[in-house]
Structures are given as C-alpha cells and as structure tokens.
Protein backbone atom coordinates (compact mmCIF):
# COMPACT_ATOMS: atom_id res chain seq x y z
CA MET A 1 17.08 -15.82 13.54
CA ASP A 2 17.72 -12.20 14.44
CA LYS A 3 14.86 -9.71 14.80
CA ILE A 4 15.04 -8.48 11.19
CA GLU A 5 14.79 -12.03 9.87
CA VAL A 6 11.86 -12.78 12.18
CA LEU A 7 10.13 -9.60 11.04
CA LEU A 8 10.56 -10.29 7.35
CA VAL A 9 9.50 -13.93 7.60
CA ASN A 10 6.32 -13.06 9.48
CA PHE A 11 5.35 -9.87 7.65
CA PRO A 12 5.91 -9.89 3.86
CA LEU A 13 5.01 -7.01 1.54
CA TYR A 14 1.31 -6.31 1.09
CA ALA A 15 1.86 -6.69 -2.66
CA GLU A 16 3.18 -10.20 -2.06
CA ASP A 17 0.15 -11.05 0.07
CA LEU A 18 -1.98 -10.09 -2.93
CA GLY A 19 0.15 -11.95 -5.48
CA ILE A 20 1.19 -8.74 -7.23
CA ASP A 21 4.50 -8.61 -9.13
CA LEU A 22 5.90 -5.12 -8.62
CA LYS A 23 8.61 -5.69 -11.22
CA GLU A 24 5.99 -5.49 -13.97
CA PRO A 25 4.26 -2.23 -15.01
CA SER A 26 0.89 -4.02 -14.90
CA GLY A 27 1.71 -5.13 -11.36
CA ARG A 28 2.55 -1.59 -10.32
CA PHE A 29 -0.85 -0.39 -11.50
CA LYS A 30 -2.50 -3.25 -9.60
CA TRP A 31 -0.63 -2.14 -6.50
CA PHE A 32 -1.77 1.45 -7.17
CA LEU A 33 -5.38 0.21 -7.19
CA ALA A 34 -4.81 -1.81 -4.02
CA SER A 35 -3.15 1.17 -2.31
CA ILE A 36 -6.18 3.34 -3.02
CA LEU A 37 -8.36 0.70 -1.35
CA PHE A 38 -5.99 0.36 1.63
CA GLY A 39 -5.85 4.15 2.00
CA ALA A 40 -9.41 4.47 3.31
CA ARG A 41 -10.39 4.18 6.97
CA ILE A 42 -11.33 0.55 6.53
CA SER A 43 -9.90 -2.76 7.73
CA GLU A 44 -6.99 -4.38 5.91
CA LYS A 45 -9.06 -7.53 5.49
CA ILE A 46 -11.86 -5.71 3.67
CA ALA A 47 -9.40 -3.76 1.50
CA SER A 48 -7.60 -6.99 0.60
CA ASN A 49 -10.83 -8.86 -0.15
CA THR A 50 -12.03 -5.98 -2.31
CA TYR A 51 -8.82 -5.88 -4.33
CA LYS A 52 -9.16 -9.64 -4.91
CA SER A 53 -12.70 -9.04 -6.16
CA PHE A 54 -11.37 -6.54 -8.70
CA GLU A 55 -8.75 -9.02 -9.84
CA ARG A 56 -11.27 -11.86 -10.03
CA TYR A 57 -13.35 -9.85 -12.49
CA GLY A 58 -10.29 -8.72 -14.41
CA ILE A 59 -10.82 -5.06 -13.52
CA ASP A 60 -7.17 -4.38 -12.77
CA SER A 61 -5.95 -1.75 -15.24
CA MET A 62 -6.63 1.90 -15.98
CA ASP A 63 -8.62 1.16 -19.15
CA LYS A 64 -10.58 -1.72 -17.60
CA ILE A 65 -11.67 0.47 -14.68
CA THR A 66 -12.92 3.11 -17.11
CA ALA A 67 -14.67 0.53 -19.29
CA ALA A 68 -16.35 -1.14 -16.30
CA GLY A 69 -18.32 1.98 -15.39
CA TRP A 70 -19.68 3.22 -12.09
CA ASP A 71 -22.39 0.60 -11.48
CA GLU A 72 -20.02 -2.31 -12.03
CA LEU A 73 -17.38 -0.77 -9.78
CA VAL A 74 -19.95 -0.32 -7.01
CA ARG A 75 -21.01 -3.96 -7.38
CA ILE A 76 -17.40 -5.18 -7.07
CA LEU A 77 -16.73 -2.90 -4.10
CA ASP A 78 -19.86 -4.21 -2.36
CA GLU A 79 -18.88 -7.80 -3.04
CA GLY A 80 -15.52 -7.20 -1.41
CA GLY A 81 -17.17 -5.71 1.68
CA TYR A 82 -16.30 -2.10 0.85
CA VAL A 83 -19.90 -1.08 1.46
CA ARG A 84 -19.21 1.97 3.60
CA TYR A 85 -17.30 3.72 0.83
CA ASP A 86 -18.73 2.03 -2.27
CA PHE A 87 -20.29 5.03 -4.05
CA SER A 88 -17.50 7.49 -3.27
CA THR A 89 -14.74 5.00 -4.11
CA ALA A 90 -16.33 4.03 -7.44
CA THR A 91 -16.46 7.72 -8.34
CA LYS A 92 -12.88 8.22 -7.17
CA LEU A 93 -11.53 5.25 -9.14
CA LEU A 94 -13.22 6.39 -12.34
CA ASP A 95 -11.93 9.94 -11.89
CA ILE A 96 -8.37 8.76 -11.20
CA ALA A 97 -8.35 6.34 -14.16
CA ARG A 98 -9.69 8.95 -16.58
CA THR A 99 -7.39 11.70 -15.35
CA LEU A 100 -4.35 9.40 -15.43
CA LYS A 101 -5.16 8.45 -19.02
CA GLU A 102 -5.77 12.02 -20.17
CA LYS A 103 -2.86 13.67 -18.38
CA TYR A 104 -0.13 11.01 -18.46
CA GLY A 105 -1.27 8.07 -20.56
CA SER A 106 -0.03 5.63 -17.92
CA LEU A 107 1.26 5.32 -14.37
CA GLU A 108 4.73 4.65 -15.73
CA ASN A 109 4.69 7.95 -17.64
CA LEU A 110 3.65 9.76 -14.47
CA TYR A 111 6.71 8.31 -12.74
CA ASN A 112 9.05 9.03 -15.65
CA LEU A 113 7.95 12.67 -15.79
CA SER A 114 8.60 13.18 -12.06
CA SER A 115 11.87 14.93 -11.27
CA ASP A 116 12.24 13.37 -7.81
CA THR A 117 10.27 11.64 -5.05
CA LYS A 118 8.72 14.88 -3.84
CA ASP A 119 7.52 15.69 -7.35
CA LEU A 120 6.21 12.13 -7.77
CA ALA A 121 4.23 12.41 -4.52
CA ARG A 122 2.88 15.80 -5.60
CA ARG A 123 1.68 14.42 -8.92
CA LEU A 124 -0.01 11.47 -7.23
CA GLN A 125 -1.76 13.76 -4.75
CA GLU A 126 -3.15 15.90 -7.56
CA PHE A 127 -5.64 13.10 -8.16
CA LYS A 128 -8.87 13.74 -6.31
CA GLY A 129 -9.08 11.39 -3.34
CA ILE A 130 -5.36 10.53 -3.09
CA GLY A 131 -3.69 12.03 -0.07
CA ALA A 132 -0.49 11.54 1.90
CA VAL A 133 -1.58 8.23 3.44
CA THR A 134 -2.38 6.53 0.12
CA THR A 135 0.79 7.95 -1.43
CA GLN A 136 2.90 6.57 1.43
CA ILE A 137 1.26 3.13 1.14
CA PHE A 138 1.82 3.02 -2.61
CA LEU A 139 5.41 4.28 -2.74
CA ARG A 140 6.59 2.43 0.37
CA GLU A 141 6.79 -0.92 -1.44
CA LEU A 142 8.31 0.51 -4.64
CA ARG A 143 11.74 1.34 -3.26
CA GLY A 144 14.24 -0.67 -5.26
CA VAL A 145 11.76 -0.90 -8.16
CA TRP A 146 11.45 2.81 -8.87
CA HIS A 147 14.29 5.19 -8.01
CA ILE A 148 12.70 6.94 -5.06
CA SER A 149 13.86 8.24 -1.71
CA LEU A 150 10.84 8.06 0.56
CA GLU A 151 10.76 9.11 4.21
CA VAL A 152 9.80 6.26 6.54
CA SER A 153 6.37 6.71 8.11
CA SER A 154 6.05 7.80 11.74
CA LYS A 155 4.07 4.62 12.42
CA ALA A 156 7.01 2.45 11.33
CA LYS A 157 9.54 4.63 13.18
CA SER A 158 7.63 4.20 16.45
CA VAL A 159 7.65 0.40 16.20
CA ALA A 160 11.32 0.45 15.14
CA GLU A 161 12.19 2.32 18.33
CA ASN A 162 10.49 -0.37 20.44
CA LEU A 163 12.65 -3.00 18.74
CA ASP A 164 15.83 -0.88 18.76
CA ILE A 165 16.05 -1.02 14.97
CA THR A 166 18.14 1.64 13.22
CA LEU A 167 16.26 2.31 9.98
CA GLN A 168 19.20 4.23 8.48
CA GLU A 169 20.96 0.89 8.03
CA PHE A 170 18.55 -0.11 5.27
CA GLU A 171 17.82 1.15 1.78
CA GLY A 172 16.03 0.17 -1.40
CA GLU A 173 13.91 -2.97 -1.40
CA GLU A 174 15.22 -4.05 2.00
CA LEU A 175 13.97 -0.80 3.53
CA SER A 176 10.60 -1.36 1.83
CA ARG A 177 10.36 -4.79 3.41
CA VAL A 178 11.46 -3.63 6.86
CA GLU A 179 9.10 -0.66 6.90
CA THR A 180 6.13 -2.69 5.69
CA ALA A 181 6.87 -5.36 8.30
CA LEU A 182 6.99 -2.73 11.04
CA VAL A 183 3.69 -1.20 9.89
CA LYS A 184 2.02 -4.63 9.87
CA LEU A 185 3.45 -5.44 13.29
CA GLY A 186 2.14 -2.17 14.66
CA ILE A 187 -1.35 -2.71 13.28
CA LYS A 188 -1.71 -6.39 14.18
CA TYR A 189 0.05 -6.52 17.54
CA CYS A 190 1.26 -3.23 19.05
CA LYS A 191 -1.96 -1.27 18.52
CA LYS A 192 -4.04 -4.12 19.94
CA LYS A 193 -1.56 -4.80 22.77
CA ARG A 194 -1.27 -8.45 21.69
CA CYS A 195 2.23 -8.71 23.14
CA GLU A 196 1.84 -12.31 24.31
CA GLU A 197 1.28 -13.48 20.73
CA CYS A 198 3.78 -11.18 19.02
CA PRO A 199 6.46 -13.02 16.99
CA VAL A 200 9.12 -10.44 17.93
CA ARG A 201 8.14 -10.13 21.59
CA ASP A 202 11.57 -11.26 22.78
CA PHE A 203 13.20 -8.32 20.99
CA CYS A 204 10.76 -5.65 22.16
CA GLY A 205 11.58 -3.13 24.86
CA ARG A 206 7.90 -2.38 25.52
CA ALA A 207 6.34 -5.84 25.56
CA VAL A 208 3.84 -6.24 28.37
CA GLY A 209 2.19 -9.20 30.04
C-alpha cells in the first residue's frame, strides 16, 4: 500500500469511529454535537465516550437536547467523563439548541441559508461557545456531503509536509479523509513522538529513533 492507503486504513473519519452516518441530516446533527464535545480542551477518548453517552440515552437531536434540560445534560456529561466542563457545556448545548431552533429551525436550514463556506463558518461561530476550532472539526468531515470549500488546518498541513503529501491533489470527501487521518496521526503519534509505533513511519521524513 502507498502512504495514502496506509493513512486511510489506519485513521478513519471521527464520525465513522462514532457510527455516525453523515449522509443523513440526523447524522449531521449528531456530528455537530460530537464536534462541540471534541472542540474543548479535553482528550479525544473522553469526548468520544461522552458523545456515546448522549447517544445511549437518545439525546442526539436539537429538540431532545432542549427537552432533556440542564440537570440531565450535566448527568450525561459526567457519566462520559466530561466532568471538567460539565456545567459550562450543559449551558452551552442548551443555548445552541435553543438558538438554532429559534433562528434557523434546523442545522440543514442554517447550511442552506449560507452563501458560501465563509458565511457558513460565520453563522456557526455566532453560537455562544463555538469558535474556529469547533467549526473546523465539524466542517472538515462534511466535504463531499455539503458543498463547502474549507481550508485545511495548519495541524494537518504540518503532518502532510513530514510525509511529503501534496494536499492540493485531493478534494471533496477524499480530502476530508486525508485531513482527518493527518490530524489523528499528529495527535496520536507525532505530538507524542511515538515514531517507532507509527504506521506510516517508513514514509516520514522526520521519524526518529
């Protein structure tokens, strides 16, 4: 296998890890919820576990978040291990769900009303508690699903340089998969200097050890 194949086999989309179908509107909202959880300064494992807690209790839509209420959201966040940000995140999720309902009616309407990717990102960041990081996480995996032209993150570009990967060669869903794989690689191996265990070590110009 070449380096792209090795990357994609070892590092699937985060949405796939969570069993989320991005082709469905309900799946895109689930990914929106997961992206908000991943956007905090917290480990991927805790964010993933917390999302699974939400799904286990069926709290995975705009209306269900609102209906659950603050206390129930805190309980689910705590169960998932999101203790450090439980109160603030419960408040944020309720605010986002209510504002989304009042202003747009749905996440799909928010997208449909956006004139381009920049406008879409602006609308997303109007929600209290959603910044550039969460927006990047959310939109990154939606290339090829929504018509968006999203700049690749600096984190992914840095890892791509180490592997001599030209990101301009990819677009749509393939670019989503490559970028996500590079981000995962950076977090799990490059950042921790786990070069000996890295699945793409043989292709890396900066592997040590």
